Amino acid sequence: MALGVLICLVLATGLAQAYELTIDAPTTLQRGMPLVINGTSNIPPGISVDVVLSKSGYTVEEIGRETVTLQANQEFSVVFDTFDLTKGVYKVEVLPISGYRYLGDSVTLRVIEIIDRTDELRFTAPLTQEMDGNLEIEGSIFGLKNSGVQIEVIGPGEEAVFGPDYISTKSDGTFVLSAPITDPGIYNVSFTDYKGYIGRVTVTVLEKPEPTTLPTTTVPTTLPVMSAFAQASRDDPAVFSVQTGSDKVRISTSSGIDWVMEYTDAAGAVQKVNVKGEMEGEEVLIDGTGGIITVTVYPYKYSASGEVTLFTQGATSVTAGVDEPAGTTGTGSSLTRSAPLPVIVIIVAVLVGVFLLFRRRR
């Protein structure tokens, strides 16, 4: 009977051998600092163990899990990122291994308190910057007056590009630093003071945009100005023929006399232009019709007369006189078809004189 019990104990020992496993972790840690878990075990190499980080509370919330394959040197290590954690109490635990049990001296669970000091840091530099050879770091540390703050910058590829070095803070706790950089990407800036780790800020550096090349535009050639001149009075207006093409045509008169300009538009309506005075010539911009436009110019005052010059820009020719081939837009001016007003005045004056003479004789 005793022999049977001994055999059972030996078999049980073979089925579930007892091994030692111990982990070590800090009891407190600043948020953002890496949580490093170191361990030792005499479990045979090649066996994998799961190390779990959880937050303690009313319920246990698993935060992260790392699987480690044990090596022949009996040592192992895992790292958890705490940047996204909130302050509070956490635990790290090595889960049981099927077919193995731990000796009583084993330590498979550690409790860690995460301390958060990020509210002491105020970062005022832009979180997105344009690549110009420097990473701008500005801000303030609450309560850190006339002292120093240690700054470390880790760039793309986890490469250290600055520090960790201390820079001074001013009387209000502010600090300013331009850290030289050579590449765009994500930069993690960590801050530490005499009390320990404060926090980390992530800055994104964008490639400087290439200057935009504006499309080459052809400067339009200035159209030549053509002109013609003629004598003009109220009784005898000056008439010009303007040969147009498909472009717009600018037509203007000389100054010195308050001129009136008339022309017939493409719809056949007579247009009168008289908005300037003696100091400026009249001007109008019309659509080219491909035909001849007749422009009539006369002085606004009956007592005025003189030489007027008609300028055109965009026309193919301008001449003094009427030149209307088939297809022209019309002669335009109704003034030349009406009876001259001064003749009527003379006739009325003669009739009034005869009437007065007749009454005197009576």
Protein backbone atom coordinates (compact mmCIF):
# COMPACT_ATOMS: atom_id res chain seq x y z
CA MET A 1 0.00 0.00 0.00
CA ALA A 2 2.79 2.45 0.91
CA LEU A 3 4.61 1.58 -2.28
CA GLY A 4 1.54 2.49 -4.31
CA VAL A 5 1.24 5.88 -2.64
CA LEU A 6 4.91 6.57 -3.29
CA ILE A 7 4.51 5.69 -6.94
CA CYS A 8 1.52 8.05 -7.23
CA LEU A 9 3.49 10.90 -5.67
CA VAL A 10 6.35 10.35 -8.08
CA LEU A 11 3.96 10.33 -11.05
CA ALA A 12 2.21 13.47 -9.79
CA THR A 13 5.52 15.21 -9.42
CA GLY A 14 6.39 14.31 -12.99
CA LEU A 15 3.07 15.56 -14.34
CA ALA A 16 3.19 18.98 -12.63
CA GLN A 17 6.72 19.97 -11.83
CA ALA A 18 7.24 23.05 -9.64
CA TYR A 19 9.44 25.88 -10.92
CA GLU A 20 10.43 29.29 -9.71
CA LEU A 21 9.40 32.50 -11.53
CA THR A 22 9.89 36.01 -10.19
CA ILE A 23 9.11 39.40 -11.78
CA ASP A 24 10.22 42.86 -10.71
CA ALA A 25 8.56 46.24 -11.50
CA PRO A 26 8.63 49.78 -10.08
CA THR A 27 6.02 50.55 -7.44
CA THR A 28 5.36 54.05 -8.90
CA LEU A 29 5.87 55.40 -12.39
CA GLN A 30 5.27 58.69 -14.14
CA ARG A 31 2.72 58.46 -16.94
CA GLY A 32 4.49 58.35 -20.29
CA MET A 33 7.58 56.56 -18.99
CA PRO A 34 8.06 53.00 -20.25
CA LEU A 35 6.98 50.34 -17.78
CA VAL A 36 9.78 47.76 -17.78
CA ILE A 37 9.10 44.33 -16.28
CA ASN A 38 12.16 42.14 -15.63
CA GLY A 39 11.86 38.49 -14.69
CA THR A 40 13.83 35.32 -13.95
CA SER A 41 12.72 31.69 -14.11
CA ASN A 42 14.16 28.21 -14.15
CA ILE A 43 11.39 26.96 -16.39
CA PRO A 44 12.95 25.05 -19.35
CA PRO A 45 13.82 27.31 -22.30
CA GLY A 46 11.38 27.40 -25.20
CA ILE A 47 8.32 27.68 -22.97
CA SER A 48 6.18 30.83 -23.50
CA VAL A 49 4.57 32.86 -20.74
CA ASP A 50 1.97 35.65 -20.92
CA VAL A 51 2.59 38.90 -19.00
CA VAL A 52 -0.59 40.97 -18.58
CA LEU A 53 -0.97 44.64 -17.55
CA SER A 54 -4.36 45.42 -15.98
CA LYS A 55 -5.96 48.36 -14.23
CA SER A 56 -7.30 47.67 -10.78
CA GLY A 57 -10.70 48.98 -9.75
CA TYR A 58 -14.21 47.73 -9.24
CA THR A 59 -13.49 45.51 -12.23
CA VAL A 60 -10.19 44.38 -13.67
CA GLU A 61 -9.53 45.89 -17.11
CA GLU A 62 -6.81 44.32 -19.20
CA ILE A 63 -4.65 47.05 -20.76
CA GLY A 64 -1.97 45.07 -22.56
CA ARG A 65 -0.51 41.60 -22.96
CA GLU A 66 2.98 40.47 -23.97
CA THR A 67 4.01 36.88 -24.73
CA VAL A 68 7.61 35.98 -23.87
CA THR A 69 9.49 32.86 -24.92
CA LEU A 70 11.91 31.88 -22.17
CA GLN A 71 15.58 31.60 -23.05
CA ALA A 72 18.44 29.49 -21.71
CA ASN A 73 19.80 32.37 -19.61
CA GLN A 74 16.60 32.17 -17.48
CA GLU A 75 15.98 35.94 -17.79
CA PHE A 76 13.23 37.79 -19.64
CA SER A 77 11.92 41.35 -19.98
CA VAL A 78 8.81 43.07 -21.36
CA VAL A 79 7.96 46.77 -21.81
CA PHE A 80 4.53 48.44 -21.69
CA ASP A 81 3.84 51.95 -23.01
CA THR A 82 2.10 54.16 -20.44
CA PHE A 83 1.60 57.28 -22.58
CA ASP A 84 -2.14 56.63 -23.03
CA LEU A 85 -2.76 55.49 -19.45
CA THR A 86 -4.53 57.55 -16.81
CA LYS A 87 -3.23 57.91 -13.28
CA GLY A 88 -4.24 55.15 -10.92
CA VAL A 89 -3.32 51.69 -9.66
CA TYR A 90 -2.33 48.93 -12.09
CA LYS A 91 -1.02 45.40 -11.76
CA VAL A 92 1.33 43.25 -13.80
CA GLU A 93 0.85 39.50 -13.63
CA VAL A 94 2.39 36.40 -15.19
CA LEU A 95 -0.42 33.97 -16.01
CA PRO A 96 -0.17 30.30 -15.00
CA ILE A 97 1.40 27.89 -17.47
CA SER A 98 -0.46 24.70 -18.28
CA GLY A 99 1.47 21.68 -16.93
CA TYR A 100 3.68 23.81 -14.66
CA ARG A 101 3.27 25.22 -11.19
CA TYR A 102 5.22 27.88 -9.38
CA LEU A 103 7.11 27.36 -6.15
CA GLY A 104 6.03 29.29 -3.07
CA ASP A 105 8.90 31.76 -3.36
CA SER A 106 7.79 32.83 -6.83
CA VAL A 107 6.53 36.39 -7.38
CA THR A 108 4.14 36.51 -10.34
CA LEU A 109 2.23 39.75 -9.56
CA ARG A 110 3.32 43.35 -8.97
CA VAL A 111 1.22 46.46 -8.21
CA ILE A 112 2.21 49.76 -9.86
CA GLU A 113 0.84 53.29 -9.28
CA ILE A 114 0.84 55.52 -12.38
CA ILE A 115 1.40 59.18 -11.53
CA ASP A 116 0.27 61.83 -14.06
CA ARG A 117 2.02 65.25 -14.15
CA THR A 118 1.03 66.25 -17.66
CA ASP A 119 -1.26 68.97 -16.29
CA GLU A 120 1.89 70.77 -15.10
CA LEU A 121 3.11 71.10 -18.68
CA ARG A 122 1.81 73.77 -21.07
CA PHE A 123 3.13 73.38 -24.63
CA THR A 124 2.58 76.52 -26.75
CA ALA A 125 4.54 75.75 -29.95
CA PRO A 126 2.49 74.44 -32.92
CA LEU A 127 1.83 70.69 -32.84
CA THR A 128 2.12 70.69 -36.63
CA GLN A 129 5.13 72.47 -38.07
CA GLU A 130 6.66 72.94 -41.51
CA MET A 131 10.11 71.52 -42.16
CA ASP A 132 12.65 74.35 -41.99
CA GLY A 133 15.60 72.69 -40.24
CA ASN A 134 14.44 73.33 -36.66
CA LEU A 135 11.84 71.88 -34.32
CA GLU A 136 10.29 74.72 -32.34
CA ILE A 137 9.73 73.80 -28.66
CA GLU A 138 8.07 76.37 -26.42
CA GLY A 139 5.97 76.24 -23.28
CA SER A 140 6.01 76.44 -19.50
CA ILE A 141 6.21 74.14 -16.47
CA PHE A 142 3.93 74.98 -13.56
CA GLY A 143 5.94 75.85 -10.46
CA LEU A 144 9.31 75.46 -12.19
CA LYS A 145 10.53 79.06 -11.96
CA ASN A 146 14.14 80.14 -12.59
CA SER A 147 15.18 76.53 -12.77
CA GLY A 148 15.70 73.97 -15.51
CA VAL A 149 13.78 71.35 -17.41
CA GLN A 150 15.32 68.35 -19.15
CA ILE A 151 14.17 67.89 -22.73
CA GLU A 152 14.66 64.87 -24.96
CA VAL A 153 13.53 64.67 -28.60
CA ILE A 154 13.05 61.33 -30.33
CA GLY A 155 12.52 61.61 -34.08
CA PRO A 156 11.48 59.29 -36.90
CA GLY A 157 12.90 55.79 -36.58
CA GLU A 158 13.20 56.20 -32.77
CA GLU A 159 16.38 58.22 -33.32
CA ALA A 160 17.42 60.65 -30.60
CA VAL A 161 17.86 64.07 -32.21
CA PHE A 162 18.25 66.17 -29.06
CA GLY A 163 19.26 65.53 -25.44
CA PRO A 164 18.36 64.63 -22.91
CA ASP A 165 19.72 68.06 -21.92
CA TYR A 166 18.60 70.66 -19.41
CA ILE A 167 17.55 74.13 -20.55
CA SER A 168 16.71 77.00 -18.26
CA THR A 169 13.23 78.21 -17.38
CA LYS A 170 12.39 81.87 -16.78
CA SER A 171 10.73 83.49 -13.77
CA ASP A 172 7.33 82.48 -15.09
CA GLY A 173 8.39 78.89 -15.83
CA THR A 174 8.58 79.37 -19.59
CA PHE A 175 11.18 77.80 -21.86
CA VAL A 176 12.16 78.14 -25.53
CA LEU A 177 14.23 75.75 -27.66
CA SER A 178 14.94 75.27 -31.38
CA ALA A 179 16.16 71.71 -31.87
CA PRO A 180 17.96 71.08 -35.20
CA ILE A 181 16.27 68.41 -37.33
CA THR A 182 16.93 67.07 -40.83
CA ASP A 183 13.79 65.15 -41.79
CA PRO A 184 10.02 65.55 -41.61
CA GLY A 185 8.02 63.09 -39.54
CA ILE A 186 6.78 62.44 -36.00
CA TYR A 187 8.83 63.85 -33.11
CA ASN A 188 8.20 62.92 -29.46
CA VAL A 189 9.37 65.58 -27.00
CA SER A 190 9.76 64.42 -23.37
CA PHE A 191 10.08 66.69 -20.32
CA THR A 192 11.66 65.85 -16.94
CA ASP A 193 12.54 67.96 -13.90
CA TYR A 194 14.14 67.32 -10.50
CA LYS A 195 10.96 65.57 -9.31
CA GLY A 196 10.97 63.15 -12.23
CA TYR A 197 9.21 62.65 -15.52
CA ILE A 198 6.56 65.25 -16.44
CA GLY A 199 5.13 64.28 -19.78
CA ARG A 200 5.51 63.94 -23.53
CA VAL A 201 4.26 65.95 -26.49
CA THR A 202 4.06 64.70 -30.07
CA VAL A 203 4.87 67.18 -32.84
CA THR A 204 4.29 66.44 -36.54
CA VAL A 205 6.74 68.04 -38.98
CA LEU A 206 5.50 68.26 -42.56
CA GLU A 207 7.59 68.46 -45.69
CA LYS A 208 7.87 72.02 -46.95
CA PRO A 209 5.60 72.27 -50.01
CA GLU A 210 7.24 72.86 -53.35
CA PRO A 211 6.61 76.33 -54.75
CA THR A 212 3.72 76.28 -57.17
CA THR A 213 4.76 77.00 -60.72
CA LEU A 214 2.18 79.25 -62.28
CA PRO A 215 1.27 78.40 -65.86
CA THR A 216 2.94 80.61 -68.40
CA THR A 217 0.47 83.06 -69.82
CA THR A 218 0.99 84.92 -73.03
CA VAL A 219 0.65 88.63 -72.51
CA PRO A 220 -1.79 89.85 -75.11
CA THR A 221 -0.25 92.14 -77.69
CA THR A 222 -1.41 95.72 -77.37
CA LEU A 223 -3.67 96.47 -80.28
CA PRO A 224 -2.54 99.38 -82.44
CA VAL A 225 -4.35 102.70 -82.20
CA MET A 226 -5.61 104.16 -85.48
CA SER A 227 -7.04 107.62 -86.01
CA ALA A 228 -8.67 109.95 -88.53
CA PHE A 229 -9.70 113.58 -88.27
CA ALA A 230 -12.24 115.93 -89.80
CA GLN A 231 -13.89 119.33 -89.25
CA ALA A 232 -17.14 119.20 -87.28
CA SER A 233 -19.86 121.65 -86.38
CA ARG A 234 -23.45 121.35 -85.36
CA ASP A 235 -24.61 122.00 -88.94
CA ASP A 236 -21.92 119.88 -90.54
CA PRO A 237 -21.01 116.87 -88.33
CA ALA A 238 -17.90 114.80 -88.95
CA VAL A 239 -18.60 111.29 -90.19
CA PHE A 240 -16.14 108.38 -89.83
CA SER A 241 -16.13 104.81 -91.15
CA VAL A 242 -14.67 102.23 -88.78
CA GLN A 243 -13.87 98.80 -90.23
CA THR A 244 -14.25 96.20 -87.45
CA GLY A 245 -13.21 92.60 -87.09
CA SER A 246 -14.15 89.98 -84.47
CA ASP A 247 -12.50 91.78 -81.51
CA LYS A 248 -13.99 94.50 -79.38
CA VAL A 249 -13.30 98.00 -80.64
CA ARG A 250 -12.55 100.99 -78.44
CA ILE A 251 -13.60 104.28 -80.07
CA SER A 252 -12.79 107.68 -78.58
CA THR A 253 -12.66 111.32 -79.59
CA SER A 254 -10.13 114.05 -78.98
CA SER A 255 -10.71 116.59 -76.21
CA GLY A 256 -10.92 120.41 -76.21
CA ILE A 257 -14.57 120.59 -77.30
CA ASP A 258 -17.56 118.93 -75.69
CA TRP A 259 -18.22 116.37 -78.45
CA VAL A 260 -21.26 114.17 -78.99
CA MET A 261 -20.67 110.77 -80.62
CA GLU A 262 -23.35 108.71 -82.33
CA TYR A 263 -23.23 105.25 -83.88
CA THR A 264 -25.63 102.46 -84.82
CA ASP A 265 -25.27 99.26 -82.80
CA ALA A 266 -25.61 95.70 -84.11
CA ALA A 267 -29.34 95.74 -83.33
CA GLY A 268 -29.85 98.79 -85.55
CA ALA A 269 -30.47 101.25 -82.71
CA VAL A 270 -28.76 104.63 -82.70
CA GLN A 271 -26.59 105.09 -79.62
CA LYS A 272 -25.60 108.57 -78.43
CA VAL A 273 -22.51 109.04 -76.22
CA ASN A 274 -22.07 112.31 -74.33
CA VAL A 275 -20.79 111.79 -70.78
CA LYS A 276 -17.54 113.79 -70.82
CA GLY A 277 -16.95 117.51 -71.04
CA GLU A 278 -14.43 119.63 -72.87
CA MET A 279 -11.44 118.33 -70.91
CA GLU A 280 -11.91 114.70 -71.92
CA GLY A 281 -12.89 112.95 -75.10
CA GLU A 282 -15.90 110.69 -75.37
CA GLU A 283 -15.22 106.95 -75.37
CA VAL A 284 -17.16 103.76 -76.06
CA LEU A 285 -16.32 100.02 -76.28
CA ILE A 286 -18.35 98.06 -78.80
CA ASP A 287 -18.33 94.53 -80.19
CA GLY A 288 -16.75 94.03 -83.57
CA THR A 289 -19.24 92.97 -86.24
CA GLY A 290 -16.85 92.28 -89.09
CA GLY A 291 -18.39 95.15 -90.99
CA ILE A 292 -18.21 98.94 -91.11
CA ILE A 293 -19.60 101.06 -88.29
CA THR A 294 -20.38 104.68 -89.11
CA VAL A 295 -19.61 107.11 -86.31
CA THR A 296 -20.93 110.69 -86.37
CA VAL A 297 -19.32 113.38 -84.19
CA TYR A 298 -20.58 116.95 -83.61
CA PRO A 299 -20.19 119.57 -80.85
CA TYR A 300 -22.71 119.71 -78.06
CA LYS A 301 -22.91 123.52 -78.28
CA TYR A 302 -24.33 125.15 -81.42
CA SER A 303 -21.72 127.87 -81.24
CA ALA A 304 -18.78 125.45 -81.17
CA SER A 305 -16.93 123.97 -84.12
CA GLY A 306 -13.49 122.63 -84.81
CA GLU A 307 -11.36 119.67 -85.80
CA VAL A 308 -12.12 116.36 -84.11
CA THR A 309 -9.90 113.26 -84.15
CA LEU A 310 -11.47 109.83 -83.85
CA PHE A 311 -9.24 107.16 -82.28
CA THR A 312 -9.87 103.43 -82.65
CA GLN A 313 -8.22 100.43 -81.02
CA GLY A 314 -9.10 96.94 -82.24
CA ALA A 315 -10.37 98.11 -85.64
CA THR A 316 -8.67 97.26 -88.89
CA SER A 317 -9.08 100.78 -90.30
CA VAL A 318 -10.73 104.14 -89.71
CA THR A 319 -11.37 106.84 -92.32
CA ALA A 320 -13.10 110.19 -92.38
CA GLY A 321 -16.23 110.03 -94.51
CA VAL A 322 -18.97 107.52 -95.12
CA ASP A 323 -17.94 104.15 -96.57
CA GLU A 324 -20.79 101.67 -96.41
CA PRO A 325 -20.46 98.50 -98.47
CA ALA A 326 -23.14 95.86 -98.35
CA GLY A 327 -23.53 94.36 -94.89
CA THR A 328 -22.65 97.54 -92.98
CA THR A 329 -24.28 98.13 -89.65
CA GLY A 330 -25.76 101.45 -90.76
CA THR A 331 -24.95 105.11 -90.86
CA GLY A 332 -26.37 105.75 -87.47
CA SER A 333 -26.62 109.48 -86.90
CA SER A 334 -30.09 110.94 -87.13
CA LEU A 335 -28.62 114.40 -86.77
CA THR A 336 -27.51 114.63 -90.42
CA ARG A 337 -31.02 113.79 -91.64
CA SER A 338 -32.79 116.54 -89.70
CA ALA A 339 -33.16 120.15 -90.74
CA PRO A 340 -30.39 122.34 -89.37
CA LEU A 341 -31.77 124.15 -86.38
CA PRO A 342 -30.02 127.48 -87.08
CA VAL A 343 -31.90 127.85 -90.44
CA ILE A 344 -35.23 127.53 -88.64
CA VAL A 345 -34.18 130.19 -86.19
CA ILE A 346 -33.33 132.57 -89.04
CA ILE A 347 -36.69 132.02 -90.74
CA VAL A 348 -38.57 132.66 -87.49
CA ALA A 349 -36.54 135.83 -86.91
CA VAL A 350 -37.41 137.14 -90.43
CA LEU A 351 -41.13 136.45 -89.91
CA VAL A 352 -41.08 138.24 -86.55
CA GLY A 353 -39.36 141.25 -88.15
CA VAL A 354 -41.91 141.45 -90.97
CA PHE A 355 -44.74 141.22 -88.44
CA LEU A 356 -43.32 144.05 -86.32
CA LEU A 357 -42.73 146.24 -89.40
CA PHE A 358 -46.32 145.70 -90.56
CA ARG A 359 -47.74 146.71 -87.15
CA ARG A 360 -45.58 149.87 -87.05
CA ARG A 361 -46.92 151.07 -90.43
CA ARG A 362 -50.47 150.61 -89.25
